[in-house]
Amino acid sequence: MKRTMQYIIGLVGLLNIVIGLSFLFNPTKMATEFALSPMGTQGMATMRADFPAFFLTGAIFSLIGAWRADRTPLMVPLTLLTCALLGRFVSIALDGTVPTTVPPMIAEAVMIALLALAYRTFGKPTQP
């Protein structure tokens, strides 16, 4: 089970690397896919800075956790994704829903579930 979770979390990490690099190098396409409207040069700079930071940080720590079969690094993507999902619930409460509301929430919830399962599977951190 541990080896399977390493592969699955590795795939989660790779997916997030692709998304992060896409925001960095093709923010216009990603703006459309994520329903964003960057305003001018500063808006594009924000998309090239903040979104890759979120996705690449989660990806790097997912990959470290998968590579080492270590649960500790998985707390970073778990925290990031949980905060994102909570933000979506706040948005539903304050702004309502549209047909595109649920799919990203499902993706985040699935990644949270996989990361949580890996966290449990990898067991307690090893002592140096």
C-alpha atoms as a PDB file:
ATOM      1  CA  MET A   1       0.000   0.000   0.000  1.00  0.00           C
ATOM      2  CA  LYS A   2       2.848   2.374   0.823  1.00  0.00           C
ATOM      3  CA  ARG A   3       4.399   2.013  -2.639  1.00  0.00           C
ATOM      4  CA  THR A   4       1.010   2.563  -4.324  1.00  0.00           C
ATOM      5  CA  MET A   5       0.476   5.756  -2.333  1.00  0.00           C
ATOM      6  CA  GLN A   6       3.946   6.960  -3.296  1.00  0.00           C
ATOM      7  CA  TYR A   7       2.994   6.646  -6.977  1.00  0.00           C
ATOM      8  CA  ILE A   8      -0.422   8.261  -6.499  1.00  0.00           C
ATOM      9  CA  ILE A   9       0.989  11.218  -4.548  1.00  0.00           C
ATOM     10  CA  GLY A  10       3.741  11.499  -7.155  1.00  0.00           C
ATOM     11  CA  LEU A  11       1.029  11.881  -9.793  1.00  0.00           C
ATOM     12  CA  VAL A  12      -0.733  14.520  -7.671  1.00  0.00           C
ATOM     13  CA  GLY A  13       2.578  16.374  -7.473  1.00  0.00           C
ATOM     14  CA  LEU A  14       3.180  16.127 -11.219  1.00  0.00           C
ATOM     15  CA  LEU A  15      -0.333  17.381 -11.996  1.00  0.00           C
ATOM     16  CA  ASN A  16       0.255  20.415  -9.802  1.00  0.00           C
ATOM     17  CA  ILE A  17       3.642  21.057 -11.426  1.00  0.00           C
ATOM     18  CA  VAL A  18       1.937  21.130 -14.829  1.00  0.00           C
ATOM     19  CA  ILE A  19      -0.702  23.568 -13.549  1.00  0.00           C
ATOM     20  CA  GLY A  20       1.882  25.770 -11.823  1.00  0.00           C
ATOM     21  CA  LEU A  21       4.151  25.933 -14.863  1.00  0.00           C
ATOM     22  CA  SER A  22       1.159  26.620 -17.099  1.00  0.00           C
ATOM     23  CA  PHE A  23       0.295  29.658 -14.987  1.00  0.00           C
ATOM     24  CA  LEU A  24       3.914  30.785 -15.205  1.00  0.00           C
ATOM     25  CA  PHE A  25       4.375  30.384 -18.958  1.00  0.00           C
ATOM     26  CA  ASN A  26       0.824  30.586 -20.362  1.00  0.00           C
ATOM     27  CA  PRO A  27      -1.226  32.704 -17.952  1.00  0.00           C
ATOM     28  CA  THR A  28      -3.684  33.847 -20.618  1.00  0.00           C
ATOM     29  CA  LYS A  29      -4.827  30.278 -21.298  1.00  0.00           C
ATOM     30  CA  MET A  30      -4.961  29.488 -17.586  1.00  0.00           C
ATOM     31  CA  ALA A  31      -6.967  32.648 -16.896  1.00  0.00           C
ATOM     32  CA  THR A  32      -9.639  31.323 -19.235  1.00  0.00           C
ATOM     33  CA  GLU A  33      -9.573  27.831 -17.708  1.00  0.00           C
ATOM     34  CA  PHE A  34      -9.783  29.209 -14.154  1.00  0.00           C
ATOM     35  CA  ALA A  35     -12.348  31.950 -14.948  1.00  0.00           C
ATOM     36  CA  LEU A  36      -9.931  34.773 -14.107  1.00  0.00           C
ATOM     37  CA  SER A  37      -9.670  38.265 -15.596  1.00  0.00           C
ATOM     38  CA  PRO A  38      -6.191  39.685 -15.011  1.00  0.00           C
ATOM     39  CA  MET A  39      -6.130  43.464 -15.236  1.00  0.00           C
ATOM     40  CA  GLY A  40      -3.154  44.673 -17.247  1.00  0.00           C
ATOM     41  CA  THR A  41       0.502  43.983 -16.664  1.00  0.00           C
ATOM     42  CA  GLN A  42       0.155  43.797 -12.886  1.00  0.00           C
ATOM     43  CA  GLY A  43      -2.676  41.283 -13.173  1.00  0.00           C
ATOM     44  CA  MET A  44      -0.535  39.086 -15.416  1.00  0.00           C
ATOM     45  CA  ALA A  45       2.377  39.431 -12.985  1.00  0.00           C
ATOM     46  CA  THR A  46       0.127  38.342 -10.138  1.00  0.00           C
ATOM     47  CA  MET A  47      -0.987  35.293 -12.115  1.00  0.00           C
ATOM     48  CA  ARG A  48       2.652  34.455 -12.894  1.00  0.00           C
ATOM     49  CA  ALA A  49       3.654  34.839  -9.244  1.00  0.00           C
ATOM     50  CA  ASP A  50       0.836  33.776  -6.928  1.00  0.00           C
ATOM     51  CA  PHE A  51      -0.688  30.846  -8.801  1.00  0.00           C
ATOM     52  CA  PRO A  52       2.617  29.095  -9.574  1.00  0.00           C
ATOM     53  CA  ALA A  53       3.651  29.689  -5.962  1.00  0.00           C
ATOM     54  CA  PHE A  54       0.529  27.884  -4.724  1.00  0.00           C
ATOM     55  CA  PHE A  55       0.654  24.971  -7.171  1.00  0.00           C
ATOM     56  CA  LEU A  56       4.425  24.484  -7.294  1.00  0.00           C
ATOM     57  CA  THR A  57       4.831  24.629  -3.522  1.00  0.00           C
ATOM     58  CA  GLY A  58       2.139  22.002  -3.061  1.00  0.00           C
ATOM     59  CA  ALA A  59       3.682  19.917  -5.845  1.00  0.00           C
ATOM     60  CA  ILE A  60       7.225  20.060  -4.477  1.00  0.00           C
ATOM     61  CA  PHE A  61       6.161  18.993  -0.997  1.00  0.00           C
ATOM     62  CA  SER A  62       3.917  16.258  -2.441  1.00  0.00           C
ATOM     63  CA  LEU A  63       6.853  14.905  -4.418  1.00  0.00           C
ATOM     64  CA  ILE A  64       9.190  15.067  -1.417  1.00  0.00           C
ATOM     65  CA  GLY A  65       6.646  13.176   0.684  1.00  0.00           C
ATOM     66  CA  ALA A  66       6.107  10.600  -2.062  1.00  0.00           C
ATOM     67  CA  TRP A  67       9.813  10.121  -2.734  1.00  0.00           C
ATOM     68  CA  ARG A  68      10.651   9.606   0.951  1.00  0.00           C
ATOM     69  CA  ALA A  69       7.350   7.924   1.899  1.00  0.00           C
ATOM     70  CA  ASP A  70       7.326  10.579   4.623  1.00  0.00           C
ATOM     71  CA  ARG A  71       4.092  12.046   5.898  1.00  0.00           C
ATOM     72  CA  THR A  72       5.531  15.312   7.247  1.00  0.00           C
ATOM     73  CA  PRO A  73       5.979  17.124   3.885  1.00  0.00           C
ATOM     74  CA  LEU A  74       2.393  16.227   2.961  1.00  0.00           C
ATOM     75  CA  MET A  75       1.133  18.724   5.540  1.00  0.00           C
ATOM     76  CA  VAL A  76       2.037  21.551   3.145  1.00  0.00           C
ATOM     77  CA  PRO A  77      -0.206  20.495   0.222  1.00  0.00           C
ATOM     78  CA  LEU A  78      -2.871  19.332   2.684  1.00  0.00           C
ATOM     79  CA  THR A  79      -2.928  22.783   4.257  1.00  0.00           C
ATOM     80  CA  LEU A  80      -2.900  24.621   0.915  1.00  0.00           C
ATOM     81  CA  LEU A  81      -5.722  22.550  -0.571  1.00  0.00           C
ATOM     82  CA  THR A  82      -7.813  22.648   2.589  1.00  0.00           C
ATOM     83  CA  CYS A  83      -7.549  26.451   2.688  1.00  0.00           C
ATOM     84  CA  ALA A  84      -8.510  26.617  -0.999  1.00  0.00           C
ATOM     85  CA  LEU A  85     -11.526  24.358  -0.449  1.00  0.00           C
ATOM     86  CA  LEU A  86     -12.623  26.371   2.579  1.00  0.00           C
ATOM     87  CA  GLY A  87     -12.344  29.530   0.476  1.00  0.00           C
ATOM     88  CA  ARG A  88     -14.668  27.961  -2.074  1.00  0.00           C
ATOM     89  CA  PHE A  89     -17.242  27.231   0.632  1.00  0.00           C
ATOM     90  CA  VAL A  90     -17.030  30.847   1.794  1.00  0.00           C
ATOM     91  CA  SER A  91     -17.533  31.944  -1.802  1.00  0.00           C
ATOM     92  CA  ILE A  92     -20.638  29.761  -2.091  1.00  0.00           C
ATOM     93  CA  ALA A  93     -22.015  31.256   1.113  1.00  0.00           C
ATOM     94  CA  LEU A  94     -21.337  34.838   0.029  1.00  0.00           C
ATOM     95  CA  ASP A  95     -21.724  34.695  -3.756  1.00  0.00           C
ATOM     96  CA  GLY A  96     -23.830  31.642  -4.548  1.00  0.00           C
ATOM     97  CA  THR A  97     -23.082  29.017  -7.155  1.00  0.00           C
ATOM     98  CA  VAL A  98     -22.779  28.692 -10.905  1.00  0.00           C
ATOM     99  CA  PRO A  99     -22.472  25.535 -13.021  1.00  0.00           C
ATOM    100  CA  THR A 100     -18.664  25.683 -12.756  1.00  0.00           C
ATOM    101  CA  THR A 101     -18.616  25.837  -8.946  1.00  0.00           C
ATOM    102  CA  VAL A 102     -18.444  22.153  -8.095  1.00  0.00           C
ATOM    103  CA  PRO A 103     -15.791  20.576 -10.414  1.00  0.00           C
ATOM    104  CA  PRO A 104     -12.771  22.331  -8.866  1.00  0.00           C
ATOM    105  CA  MET A 105     -14.129  21.532  -5.407  1.00  0.00           C
ATOM    106  CA  ILE A 106     -14.270  17.851  -6.332  1.00  0.00           C
ATOM    107  CA  ALA A 107     -10.692  17.964  -7.637  1.00  0.00           C
ATOM    108  CA  GLU A 108      -9.485  19.606  -4.423  1.00  0.00           C
ATOM    109  CA  ALA A 109     -11.450  17.199  -2.228  1.00  0.00           C
ATOM    110  CA  VAL A 110     -10.036  14.188  -4.106  1.00  0.00           C
ATOM    111  CA  MET A 111      -6.481  15.478  -3.729  1.00  0.00           C
ATOM    112  CA  ILE A 112      -7.088  16.155  -0.023  1.00  0.00           C
ATOM    113  CA  ALA A 113      -8.433  12.620   0.427  1.00  0.00           C
ATOM    114  CA  LEU A 114      -5.461  11.084  -1.402  1.00  0.00           C
ATOM    115  CA  LEU A 115      -2.950  13.147   0.535  1.00  0.00           C
ATOM    116  CA  ALA A 116      -4.692  12.299   3.826  1.00  0.00           C
ATOM    117  CA  LEU A 117      -4.649   8.605   2.957  1.00  0.00           C
ATOM    118  CA  ALA A 118      -0.949   8.823   2.121  1.00  0.00           C
ATOM    119  CA  TYR A 119      -0.344  10.724   5.360  1.00  0.00           C
ATOM    120  CA  ARG A 120      -1.936   7.855   7.252  1.00  0.00           C
ATOM    121  CA  THR A 121      -0.240   5.164   5.148  1.00  0.00           C
ATOM    122  CA  PHE A 122       3.224   6.643   5.523  1.00  0.00           C
ATOM    123  CA  GLY A 123       2.894   6.447   9.316  1.00  0.00           C
ATOM    124  CA  LYS A 124       4.746   8.403  11.914  1.00  0.00           C
ATOM    125  CA  PRO A 125       7.842  10.375  10.900  1.00  0.00           C
ATOM    126  CA  THR A 126      11.132   8.560  11.334  1.00  0.00           C
ATOM    127  CA  GLN A 127      13.381   9.789  14.106  1.00  0.00           C
ATOM    128  CA  PRO A 128      16.926  10.851  13.092  1.00  0.00           C
END
